[in-house]
């Protein structure tokens, strides 16, 4: 996965300081005014850009796209009510992943150069990684339409195109972010297509290269005691960009992992809620 890192000035005030956090009687965390995105210029490999083939872009060349202030400000309403996730995944109503949702965002507003929002975090595990600093940065996932027209951003940075019609889909907690003011904001972008063939979506997800590597490392560690050596070799090859195994073999491996995960999740649930079985 290709990603790049661009920092904001070091004196940018952090929105996720302790004074911004409150807790209600149920233990839910409330955070006000977090920066979730920023108007700036970021580098993208051509193949990451939505509709790059129709635009005639070189899939291996780096293009610099600008999240211009007007487009980002106009996206504020689309962020209200969107889910906060523990990791990136495109969320649509008919394939909603309940297990990843740990909170929600509201009261989104433009505060140049940042897009800010208030949020509520419901899940204790998510609250813990925020408090520990392990996963307190925010990374937005959004749709956009690229307009490939060269220009210069307000800060003097040249760009090859502008991100327009930005529509937020979710925010995710990540280990490190792209903007030094965006804590529980934008991290380096990587465009990902959904796995569902019937609904093509180009989604920009703001995750840094460090975060990508950490996710892959965690995935490999998780799978090591659940898959055979042959299956692990295939998984590591896929993550390294190699050709995936035959569909039947891949599906068998996926089913084994899915069953193992369900068993683990159920055990964890019963540990947290020991009386749950008696309430059925």
C-alpha atoms as a PDB file:
ATOM      1  CA  UNK A   1       0.000   0.000   0.000  1.00  0.00           C
ATOM      2  CA  UNK A   2       1.338   3.391  -0.971  1.00  0.00           C
ATOM      3  CA  UNK A   3       0.945   6.328   1.337  1.00  0.00           C
ATOM      4  CA  UNK A   4       2.655   9.602   2.033  1.00  0.00           C
ATOM      5  CA  UNK A   5       3.071  11.793   5.098  1.00  0.00           C
ATOM      6  CA  UNK A   6       2.488  15.527   5.278  1.00  0.00           C
ATOM      7  CA  UNK A   7       2.629  17.431   8.544  1.00  0.00           C
ATOM      8  CA  UNK A   8       0.954  20.593   9.676  1.00  0.00           C
ATOM      9  CA  UNK A   9       2.917  23.207  11.660  1.00  0.00           C
ATOM     10  CA  UNK A  10       4.044  21.994  15.071  1.00  0.00           C
ATOM     11  CA  UNK A  11       2.231  24.815  16.841  1.00  0.00           C
ATOM     12  CA  UNK A  12      -1.172  23.586  15.612  1.00  0.00           C
ATOM     13  CA  UNK A  13      -3.317  23.226  18.760  1.00  0.00           C
ATOM     14  CA  UNK A  14      -4.357  19.647  19.556  1.00  0.00           C
ATOM     15  CA  UNK A  15      -8.109  19.164  19.667  1.00  0.00           C
ATOM     16  CA  UNK A  16      -7.796  15.886  21.543  1.00  0.00           C
ATOM     17  CA  UNK A  17      -6.303  17.153  24.768  1.00  0.00           C
ATOM     18  CA  UNK A  18      -7.694  15.938  28.082  1.00  0.00           C
ATOM     19  CA  UNK A  19      -9.686  19.107  28.690  1.00  0.00           C
ATOM     20  CA  UNK A  20     -11.856  18.277  25.677  1.00  0.00           C
ATOM     21  CA  UNK A  21     -12.896  14.887  27.104  1.00  0.00           C
ATOM     22  CA  UNK A  22     -15.868  14.241  29.350  1.00  0.00           C
ATOM     23  CA  UNK A  23     -17.587  11.031  30.445  1.00  0.00           C
ATOM     24  CA  UNK A  24     -21.263  10.422  31.102  1.00  0.00           C
ATOM     25  CA  UNK A  25     -22.841   8.192  33.760  1.00  0.00           C
ATOM     26  CA  UNK A  26     -22.621   5.193  31.395  1.00  0.00           C
ATOM     27  CA  UNK A  27     -18.883   5.642  30.857  1.00  0.00           C
ATOM     28  CA  UNK A  28     -19.186   6.921  27.277  1.00  0.00           C
ATOM     29  CA  UNK A  29     -16.531   9.426  26.226  1.00  0.00           C
ATOM     30  CA  UNK A  30     -17.574  12.759  24.706  1.00  0.00           C
ATOM     31  CA  UNK A  31     -15.002  14.818  22.782  1.00  0.00           C
ATOM     32  CA  UNK A  32     -15.700  18.317  21.441  1.00  0.00           C
ATOM     33  CA  UNK A  33     -14.086  20.081  18.490  1.00  0.00           C
ATOM     34  CA  UNK A  34     -11.736  17.408  17.186  1.00  0.00           C
ATOM     35  CA  UNK A  35     -10.068  18.181  13.865  1.00  0.00           C
ATOM     36  CA  UNK A  36     -11.027  15.373  11.476  1.00  0.00           C
ATOM     37  CA  UNK A  37      -9.622  16.694   8.196  1.00  0.00           C
ATOM     38  CA  UNK A  38      -7.559  19.555   6.810  1.00  0.00           C
ATOM     39  CA  UNK A  39      -7.349  21.528   3.593  1.00  0.00           C
ATOM     40  CA  UNK A  40      -3.932  20.708   2.138  1.00  0.00           C
ATOM     41  CA  UNK A  41      -2.085  19.166  -0.817  1.00  0.00           C
ATOM     42  CA  UNK A  42      -1.259  15.448  -0.718  1.00  0.00           C
ATOM     43  CA  UNK A  43       0.535  13.088  -3.101  1.00  0.00           C
ATOM     44  CA  UNK A  44      -1.255  10.128  -4.703  1.00  0.00           C
ATOM     45  CA  UNK A  45      -0.095   7.436  -7.090  1.00  0.00           C
ATOM     46  CA  UNK A  46      -2.232   7.645 -10.247  1.00  0.00           C
ATOM     47  CA  UNK A  47      -3.816   4.228  -9.670  1.00  0.00           C
ATOM     48  CA  UNK A  48      -5.184   5.497  -6.335  1.00  0.00           C
ATOM     49  CA  UNK A  49      -7.163   8.325  -7.919  1.00  0.00           C
ATOM     50  CA  UNK A  50     -10.839   7.782  -8.624  1.00  0.00           C
ATOM     51  CA  UNK A  51     -11.411   7.256 -12.367  1.00  0.00           C
ATOM     52  CA  UNK A  52      -7.698   7.545 -13.211  1.00  0.00           C
ATOM     53  CA  UNK A  53      -8.066   5.571 -16.456  1.00  0.00           C
ATOM     54  CA  UNK A  54     -10.816   7.811 -17.836  1.00  0.00           C
ATOM     55  CA  UNK A  55      -8.728  10.823 -16.815  1.00  0.00           C
ATOM     56  CA  UNK A  56      -5.731   9.460 -18.737  1.00  0.00           C
ATOM     57  CA  UNK A  57      -3.466   9.397 -15.687  1.00  0.00           C
ATOM     58  CA  UNK A  58      -0.301   7.340 -15.447  1.00  0.00           C
ATOM     59  CA  UNK A  59      -1.036   4.665 -12.782  1.00  0.00           C
ATOM     60  CA  UNK A  60       2.579   4.794 -11.524  1.00  0.00           C
ATOM     61  CA  UNK A  61       3.084   8.556 -11.432  1.00  0.00           C
ATOM     62  CA  UNK A  62       2.545  10.656  -8.310  1.00  0.00           C
ATOM     63  CA  UNK A  63      -0.072  13.403  -8.629  1.00  0.00           C
ATOM     64  CA  UNK A  64      -0.694  16.070  -6.017  1.00  0.00           C
ATOM     65  CA  UNK A  65      -4.340  16.651  -5.142  1.00  0.00           C
ATOM     66  CA  UNK A  66      -5.711  19.561  -3.155  1.00  0.00           C
ATOM     67  CA  UNK A  67      -8.542  19.277  -0.660  1.00  0.00           C
ATOM     68  CA  UNK A  68      -9.527  22.879  -1.265  1.00  0.00           C
ATOM     69  CA  UNK A  69     -11.301  24.802   1.511  1.00  0.00           C
ATOM     70  CA  UNK A  70     -14.623  25.174  -0.327  1.00  0.00           C
ATOM     71  CA  UNK A  71     -14.956  21.450  -1.038  1.00  0.00           C
ATOM     72  CA  UNK A  72     -13.994  20.452   2.485  1.00  0.00           C
ATOM     73  CA  UNK A  73     -16.256  23.031   4.099  1.00  0.00           C
ATOM     74  CA  UNK A  74     -19.172  21.826   1.960  1.00  0.00           C
ATOM     75  CA  UNK A  75     -18.610  18.254   3.195  1.00  0.00           C
ATOM     76  CA  UNK A  76     -19.367  19.132   6.834  1.00  0.00           C
ATOM     77  CA  UNK A  77     -23.044  18.147   6.731  1.00  0.00           C
ATOM     78  CA  UNK A  78     -22.161  14.753   5.249  1.00  0.00           C
ATOM     79  CA  UNK A  79     -20.131  13.929   8.354  1.00  0.00           C
ATOM     80  CA  UNK A  80     -22.975  14.420  10.840  1.00  0.00           C
ATOM     81  CA  UNK A  81     -24.273  11.120  12.172  1.00  0.00           C
ATOM     82  CA  UNK A  82     -21.529   9.069  10.536  1.00  0.00           C
ATOM     83  CA  UNK A  83     -19.903   6.188  12.444  1.00  0.00           C
ATOM     84  CA  UNK A  84     -16.587   6.213  14.235  1.00  0.00           C
ATOM     85  CA  UNK A  85     -14.799   2.924  13.505  1.00  0.00           C
ATOM     86  CA  UNK A  86     -11.976   1.032  15.204  1.00  0.00           C
ATOM     87  CA  UNK A  87     -10.422   0.479  11.742  1.00  0.00           C
ATOM     88  CA  UNK A  88     -11.148   1.530   8.166  1.00  0.00           C
ATOM     89  CA  UNK A  89     -13.996  -0.121   6.269  1.00  0.00           C
ATOM     90  CA  UNK A  90     -16.518   1.399   3.862  1.00  0.00           C
ATOM     91  CA  UNK A  91     -19.921   1.441   5.573  1.00  0.00           C
ATOM     92  CA  UNK A  92     -23.182   1.130   3.617  1.00  0.00           C
ATOM     93  CA  UNK A  93     -26.590   0.179   4.995  1.00  0.00           C
ATOM     94  CA  UNK A  94     -26.841  -3.277   3.445  1.00  0.00           C
ATOM     95  CA  UNK A  95     -23.320  -4.352   4.501  1.00  0.00           C
ATOM     96  CA  UNK A  96     -22.948  -2.492   7.788  1.00  0.00           C
ATOM     97  CA  UNK A  97     -20.227  -3.950  10.012  1.00  0.00           C
ATOM     98  CA  UNK A  98     -21.584  -3.530  13.538  1.00  0.00           C
ATOM     99  CA  UNK A  99     -18.453  -4.991  15.159  1.00  0.00           C
ATOM    100  CA  UNK A 100     -16.271  -2.108  13.940  1.00  0.00           C
ATOM    101  CA  UNK A 101     -18.508   0.770  15.073  1.00  0.00           C
ATOM    102  CA  UNK A 102     -17.338   2.301  18.358  1.00  0.00           C
ATOM    103  CA  UNK A 103     -19.051   5.699  18.275  1.00  0.00           C
ATOM    104  CA  UNK A 104     -20.472   8.504  16.147  1.00  0.00           C
ATOM    105  CA  UNK A 105     -19.773  12.070  14.986  1.00  0.00           C
ATOM    106  CA  UNK A 106     -21.952  15.177  15.016  1.00  0.00           C
ATOM    107  CA  UNK A 107     -21.878  18.989  14.925  1.00  0.00           C
ATOM    108  CA  UNK A 108     -19.362  19.033  12.058  1.00  0.00           C
ATOM    109  CA  UNK A 109     -18.204  22.535  11.111  1.00  0.00           C
ATOM    110  CA  UNK A 110     -15.554  24.318   9.079  1.00  0.00           C
ATOM    111  CA  UNK A 111     -12.839  26.026  11.119  1.00  0.00           C
ATOM    112  CA  UNK A 112     -10.185  26.915   8.517  1.00  0.00           C
ATOM    113  CA  UNK A 113      -8.031  25.097   7.713  1.00  0.00           C
ATOM    114  CA  UNK A 114      -9.676  22.255   9.645  1.00  0.00           C
ATOM    115  CA  UNK A 115     -12.946  20.398   9.436  1.00  0.00           C
ATOM    116  CA  UNK A 116     -13.955  19.786  13.053  1.00  0.00           C
ATOM    117  CA  UNK A 117     -16.581  17.615  14.693  1.00  0.00           C
ATOM    118  CA  UNK A 118     -17.784  16.479  18.091  1.00  0.00           C
ATOM    119  CA  UNK A 119     -17.862  12.772  18.806  1.00  0.00           C
ATOM    120  CA  UNK A 120     -19.102  10.202  21.262  1.00  0.00           C
ATOM    121  CA  UNK A 121     -17.132   7.011  21.846  1.00  0.00           C
ATOM    122  CA  UNK A 122     -19.243   4.181  23.278  1.00  0.00           C
ATOM    123  CA  UNK A 123     -16.926   1.174  23.353  1.00  0.00           C
ATOM    124  CA  UNK A 124     -14.586   0.750  26.339  1.00  0.00           C
ATOM    125  CA  UNK A 125     -11.824  -0.891  24.284  1.00  0.00           C
ATOM    126  CA  UNK A 126     -11.809   2.124  21.949  1.00  0.00           C
ATOM    127  CA  UNK A 127     -11.813   4.504  24.914  1.00  0.00           C
ATOM    128  CA  UNK A 128      -8.827   2.650  26.358  1.00  0.00           C
ATOM    129  CA  UNK A 129      -6.684   2.931  23.187  1.00  0.00           C
ATOM    130  CA  UNK A 130      -7.522   6.632  22.959  1.00  0.00           C
ATOM    131  CA  UNK A 131      -6.588   7.276  26.590  1.00  0.00           C
ATOM    132  CA  UNK A 132      -3.362   5.290  26.282  1.00  0.00           C
ATOM    133  CA  UNK A 133      -2.389   7.161  23.103  1.00  0.00           C
ATOM    134  CA  UNK A 134      -2.106   3.886  21.187  1.00  0.00           C
ATOM    135  CA  UNK A 135      -4.846   4.822  18.724  1.00  0.00           C
ATOM    136  CA  UNK A 136      -5.941   8.404  19.290  1.00  0.00           C
ATOM    137  CA  UNK A 137      -5.583   9.852  15.779  1.00  0.00           C
ATOM    138  CA  UNK A 138      -8.551  10.077  13.424  1.00  0.00           C
ATOM    139  CA  UNK A 139      -8.586   9.111   9.762  1.00  0.00           C
ATOM    140  CA  UNK A 140     -11.491  10.042   7.486  1.00  0.00           C
ATOM    141  CA  UNK A 141     -12.921   7.833   4.757  1.00  0.00           C
ATOM    142  CA  UNK A 142     -14.756   9.706   1.994  1.00  0.00           C
ATOM    143  CA  UNK A 143     -15.858   9.719  -1.628  1.00  0.00           C
ATOM    144  CA  UNK A 144     -14.651  12.472  -3.949  1.00  0.00           C
ATOM    145  CA  UNK A 145     -14.519  13.508  -7.586  1.00  0.00           C
ATOM    146  CA  UNK A 146     -11.083  14.600  -8.900  1.00  0.00           C
ATOM    147  CA  UNK A 147     -10.781  17.617 -11.181  1.00  0.00           C
ATOM    148  CA  UNK A 148      -7.358  17.474 -12.825  1.00  0.00           C
ATOM    149  CA  UNK A 149      -6.533  21.155 -13.219  1.00  0.00           C
ATOM    150  CA  UNK A 150      -3.214  22.562 -12.050  1.00  0.00           C
ATOM    151  CA  UNK A 151      -3.010  25.411  -9.599  1.00  0.00           C
ATOM    152  CA  UNK A 152      -1.483  26.673  -6.361  1.00  0.00           C
ATOM    153  CA  UNK A 153      -3.013  26.186  -2.911  1.00  0.00           C
ATOM    154  CA  UNK A 154      -3.531  29.053  -0.477  1.00  0.00           C
ATOM    155  CA  UNK A 155      -0.301  28.107   1.309  1.00  0.00           C
ATOM    156  CA  UNK A 156       1.682  28.302  -1.944  1.00  0.00           C
ATOM    157  CA  UNK A 157       1.894  24.550  -2.592  1.00  0.00           C
ATOM    158  CA  UNK A 158       1.395  23.620  -6.274  1.00  0.00           C
ATOM    159  CA  UNK A 159      -1.082  20.871  -7.156  1.00  0.00           C
ATOM    160  CA  UNK A 160      -2.144  18.800 -10.161  1.00  0.00           C
ATOM    161  CA  UNK A 161      -5.828  18.537  -9.328  1.00  0.00           C
ATOM    162  CA  UNK A 162      -8.570  19.270  -6.815  1.00  0.00           C
ATOM    163  CA  UNK A 163     -10.723  16.908  -4.761  1.00  0.00           C
ATOM    164  CA  UNK A 164     -14.323  18.035  -5.296  1.00  0.00           C
ATOM    165  CA  UNK A 165     -17.737  16.794  -4.140  1.00  0.00           C
ATOM    166  CA  UNK A 166     -16.225  15.335  -0.975  1.00  0.00           C
ATOM    167  CA  UNK A 167     -18.760  13.174   0.885  1.00  0.00           C
ATOM    168  CA  UNK A 168     -17.807  11.651   4.211  1.00  0.00           C
ATOM    169  CA  UNK A 169     -18.498   7.962   4.881  1.00  0.00           C
ATOM    170  CA  UNK A 170     -16.830   7.372   8.268  1.00  0.00           C
ATOM    171  CA  UNK A 171     -13.912   8.207  10.531  1.00  0.00           C
ATOM    172  CA  UNK A 172     -11.550   5.596  11.933  1.00  0.00           C
ATOM    173  CA  UNK A 173      -9.216   5.514  14.903  1.00  0.00           C
ATOM    174  CA  UNK A 174      -5.609   5.000  13.727  1.00  0.00           C
ATOM    175  CA  UNK A 175      -2.197   4.830  15.339  1.00  0.00           C
ATOM    176  CA  UNK A 176      -0.777   7.924  13.605  1.00  0.00           C
ATOM    177  CA  UNK A 177      -2.238  10.722  11.550  1.00  0.00           C
ATOM    178  CA  UNK A 178      -1.183  13.011   8.750  1.00  0.00           C
ATOM    179  CA  UNK A 179      -2.010  16.334  10.439  1.00  0.00           C
ATOM    180  CA  UNK A 180      -0.418  17.178  13.770  1.00  0.00           C
ATOM    181  CA  UNK A 181      -3.591  18.939  14.898  1.00  0.00           C
ATOM    182  CA  UNK A 182      -5.974  16.102  14.081  1.00  0.00           C
ATOM    183  CA  UNK A 183      -6.318  13.860  17.062  1.00  0.00           C
ATOM    184  CA  UNK A 184      -9.514  11.957  18.168  1.00  0.00           C
ATOM    185  CA  UNK A 185      -7.953  13.891  11.512  1.00  0.00           C
ATOM    186  CA  UNK A 186      -6.449  13.349   8.355  1.00  0.00           C
ATOM    187  CA  UNK A 187      -3.783  10.728   7.830  1.00  0.00           C
ATOM    188  CA  UNK A 188      -2.064   9.836   4.566  1.00  0.00           C
ATOM    189  CA  UNK A 189      -4.589   8.816   1.947  1.00  0.00           C
ATOM    190  CA  UNK A 190      -4.957   5.534   0.156  1.00  0.00           C
ATOM    191  CA  UNK A 191      -7.898   4.934  -2.158  1.00  0.00           C
ATOM    192  CA  UNK A 192      -9.646   1.623  -1.733  1.00  0.00           C
ATOM    193  CA  UNK A 193     -12.445  -0.028  -3.673  1.00  0.00           C
ATOM    194  CA  UNK A 194     -15.122  -1.977  -1.784  1.00  0.00           C
ATOM    195  CA  UNK A 195     -15.240  -5.740  -2.125  1.00  0.00           C
ATOM    196  CA  UNK A 196     -18.875  -5.633  -3.257  1.00  0.00           C
ATOM    197  CA  UNK A 197     -18.890  -5.756  -7.071  1.00  0.00           C
ATOM    198  CA  UNK A 198     -22.430  -4.417  -7.340  1.00  0.00           C
ATOM    199  CA  UNK A 199     -21.600  -1.032  -5.853  1.00  0.00           C
ATOM    200  CA  UNK A 200     -18.350   0.511  -7.106  1.00  0.00           C
ATOM    201  CA  UNK A 201     -17.111   3.136  -4.663  1.00  0.00           C
ATOM    202  CA  UNK A 202     -13.815   5.001  -4.737  1.00  0.00           C
ATOM    203  CA  UNK A 203     -13.095   5.840  -1.133  1.00  0.00           C
ATOM    204  CA  UNK A 204     -10.214   7.927   0.138  1.00  0.00           C
ATOM    205  CA  UNK A 205      -9.112   6.580   3.521  1.00  0.00           C
ATOM    206  CA  UNK A 206      -6.648   8.670   5.450  1.00  0.00           C
ATOM    207  CA  UNK A 207      -4.200   6.134   6.919  1.00  0.00           C
ATOM    208  CA  UNK A 208      -0.465   6.628   7.226  1.00  0.00           C
ATOM    209  CA  UNK A 209       2.118   4.181   5.934  1.00  0.00           C
ATOM    210  CA  UNK A 210       3.044   3.474   9.551  1.00  0.00           C
ATOM    211  CA  UNK A 211      -0.573   2.635  10.291  1.00  0.00           C
ATOM    212  CA  UNK A 212      -0.845   0.401   7.194  1.00  0.00           C
ATOM    213  CA  UNK A 213       2.258  -1.564   8.221  1.00  0.00           C
ATOM    214  CA  UNK A 214       1.012  -1.926  11.780  1.00  0.00           C
ATOM    215  CA  UNK A 215      -2.351  -3.221  10.552  1.00  0.00           C
ATOM    216  CA  UNK A 216      -0.675  -5.815   8.304  1.00  0.00           C
ATOM    217  CA  UNK A 217       1.667  -6.876  11.099  1.00  0.00           C
ATOM    218  CA  UNK A 218      -1.261  -7.291  13.499  1.00  0.00           C
ATOM    219  CA  UNK A 219      -3.198  -9.267  10.879  1.00  0.00           C
ATOM    220  CA  UNK A 220      -0.310 -11.672  10.274  1.00  0.00           C
ATOM    221  CA  UNK A 221       0.174 -12.162  14.032  1.00  0.00           C
ATOM    222  CA  UNK A 222      -3.541 -12.853  14.485  1.00  0.00           C
ATOM    223  CA  UNK A 223      -3.638 -15.413  11.655  1.00  0.00           C
ATOM    224  CA  UNK A 224      -0.462 -17.334  12.472  1.00  0.00           C
ATOM    225  CA  UNK A 225      -2.060 -19.762  14.943  1.00  0.00           C
ATOM    226  CA  UNK A 226      -5.270 -20.093  12.941  1.00  0.00           C
ATOM    227  CA  UNK A 227      -4.012 -21.033   9.474  1.00  0.00           C
ATOM    228  CA  UNK A 228      -1.786 -23.743   8.095  1.00  0.00           C
ATOM    229  CA  UNK A 229       1.731 -22.851   6.973  1.00  0.00           C
ATOM    230  CA  UNK A 230       0.580 -23.080   3.351  1.00  0.00           C
ATOM    231  CA  UNK A 231      -2.361 -20.731   3.936  1.00  0.00           C
ATOM    232  CA  UNK A 232      -0.140 -18.268   5.827  1.00  0.00           C
ATOM    233  CA  UNK A 233       2.273 -18.224   2.906  1.00  0.00           C
ATOM    234  CA  UNK A 234      -0.617 -17.308   0.593  1.00  0.00           C
ATOM    235  CA  UNK A 235      -1.832 -14.556   2.942  1.00  0.00           C
ATOM    236  CA  UNK A 236       1.649 -13.022   3.256  1.00  0.00           C
ATOM    237  CA  UNK A 237       2.002 -13.177  -0.529  1.00  0.00           C
ATOM    238  CA  UNK A 238      -1.295 -11.332  -1.049  1.00  0.00           C
ATOM    239  CA  UNK A 239      -0.256  -8.598   1.411  1.00  0.00           C
ATOM    240  CA  UNK A 240       3.007  -8.289  -0.517  1.00  0.00           C
ATOM    241  CA  UNK A 241       1.125  -7.810  -3.800  1.00  0.00           C
ATOM    242  CA  UNK A 242       1.421 -11.326  -5.214  1.00  0.00           C
ATOM    243  CA  UNK A 243      -1.306 -13.226  -7.095  1.00  0.00           C
ATOM    244  CA  UNK A 244      -3.930 -14.580  -4.664  1.00  0.00           C
ATOM    245  CA  UNK A 245      -4.541 -18.352  -4.343  1.00  0.00           C
ATOM    246  CA  UNK A 246      -7.398 -20.143  -6.177  1.00  0.00           C
ATOM    247  CA  UNK A 247     -10.849 -18.992  -5.076  1.00  0.00           C
ATOM    248  CA  UNK A 248     -11.823 -22.305  -3.450  1.00  0.00           C
ATOM    249  CA  UNK A 249      -8.676 -22.412  -1.329  1.00  0.00           C
ATOM    250  CA  UNK A 250      -9.057 -18.751  -0.402  1.00  0.00           C
ATOM    251  CA  UNK A 251     -12.694 -19.254   0.605  1.00  0.00           C
ATOM    252  CA  UNK A 252     -11.801 -22.256   2.778  1.00  0.00           C
ATOM    253  CA  UNK A 253      -9.124 -20.216   4.533  1.00  0.00           C
ATOM    254  CA  UNK A 254     -11.519 -17.296   4.983  1.00  0.00           C
ATOM    255  CA  UNK A 255     -14.171 -19.569   6.488  1.00  0.00           C
ATOM    256  CA  UNK A 256     -11.688 -20.986   8.993  1.00  0.00           C
ATOM    257  CA  UNK A 257     -10.579 -17.507  10.027  1.00  0.00           C
ATOM    258  CA  UNK A 258     -14.185 -16.299  10.248  1.00  0.00           C
ATOM    259  CA  UNK A 259     -15.167 -19.205  12.522  1.00  0.00           C
ATOM    260  CA  UNK A 260     -12.116 -18.658  14.724  1.00  0.00           C
ATOM    261  CA  UNK A 261     -12.930 -14.966  15.009  1.00  0.00           C
ATOM    262  CA  UNK A 262     -16.576 -15.627  15.878  1.00  0.00           C
ATOM    263  CA  UNK A 263     -15.500 -18.050  18.597  1.00  0.00           C
ATOM    264  CA  UNK A 264     -13.012 -15.522  19.961  1.00  0.00           C
ATOM    265  CA  UNK A 265     -15.579 -12.688  19.863  1.00  0.00           C
ATOM    266  CA  UNK A 266     -18.197 -14.823  21.629  1.00  0.00           C
ATOM    267  CA  UNK A 267     -15.741 -15.784  24.350  1.00  0.00           C
ATOM    268  CA  UNK A 268     -14.757 -12.141  24.817  1.00  0.00           C
ATOM    269  CA  UNK A 269     -18.426 -11.146  24.976  1.00  0.00           C
ATOM    270  CA  UNK A 270     -19.186 -13.721  27.668  1.00  0.00           C
ATOM    271  CA  UNK A 271     -16.187 -12.545  29.680  1.00  0.00           C
ATOM    272  CA  UNK A 272     -17.493  -8.974  29.596  1.00  0.00           C
ATOM    273  CA  UNK A 273     -21.142  -9.957  30.113  1.00  0.00           C
ATOM    274  CA  UNK A 274     -21.159 -13.253  32.079  1.00  0.00           C
ATOM    275  CA  UNK A 275     -24.939 -13.191  32.612  1.00  0.00           C
ATOM    276  CA  UNK A 276     -25.776 -12.790  28.942  1.00  0.00           C
ATOM    277  CA  UNK A 277     -26.468 -16.478  28.302  1.00  0.00           C
ATOM    278  CA  UNK A 278     -28.998 -16.616  31.149  1.00  0.00           C
ATOM    279  CA  UNK A 279     -30.929 -13.722  29.650  1.00  0.00           C
ATOM    280  CA  UNK A 280     -31.687 -15.566  26.414  1.00  0.00           C
END
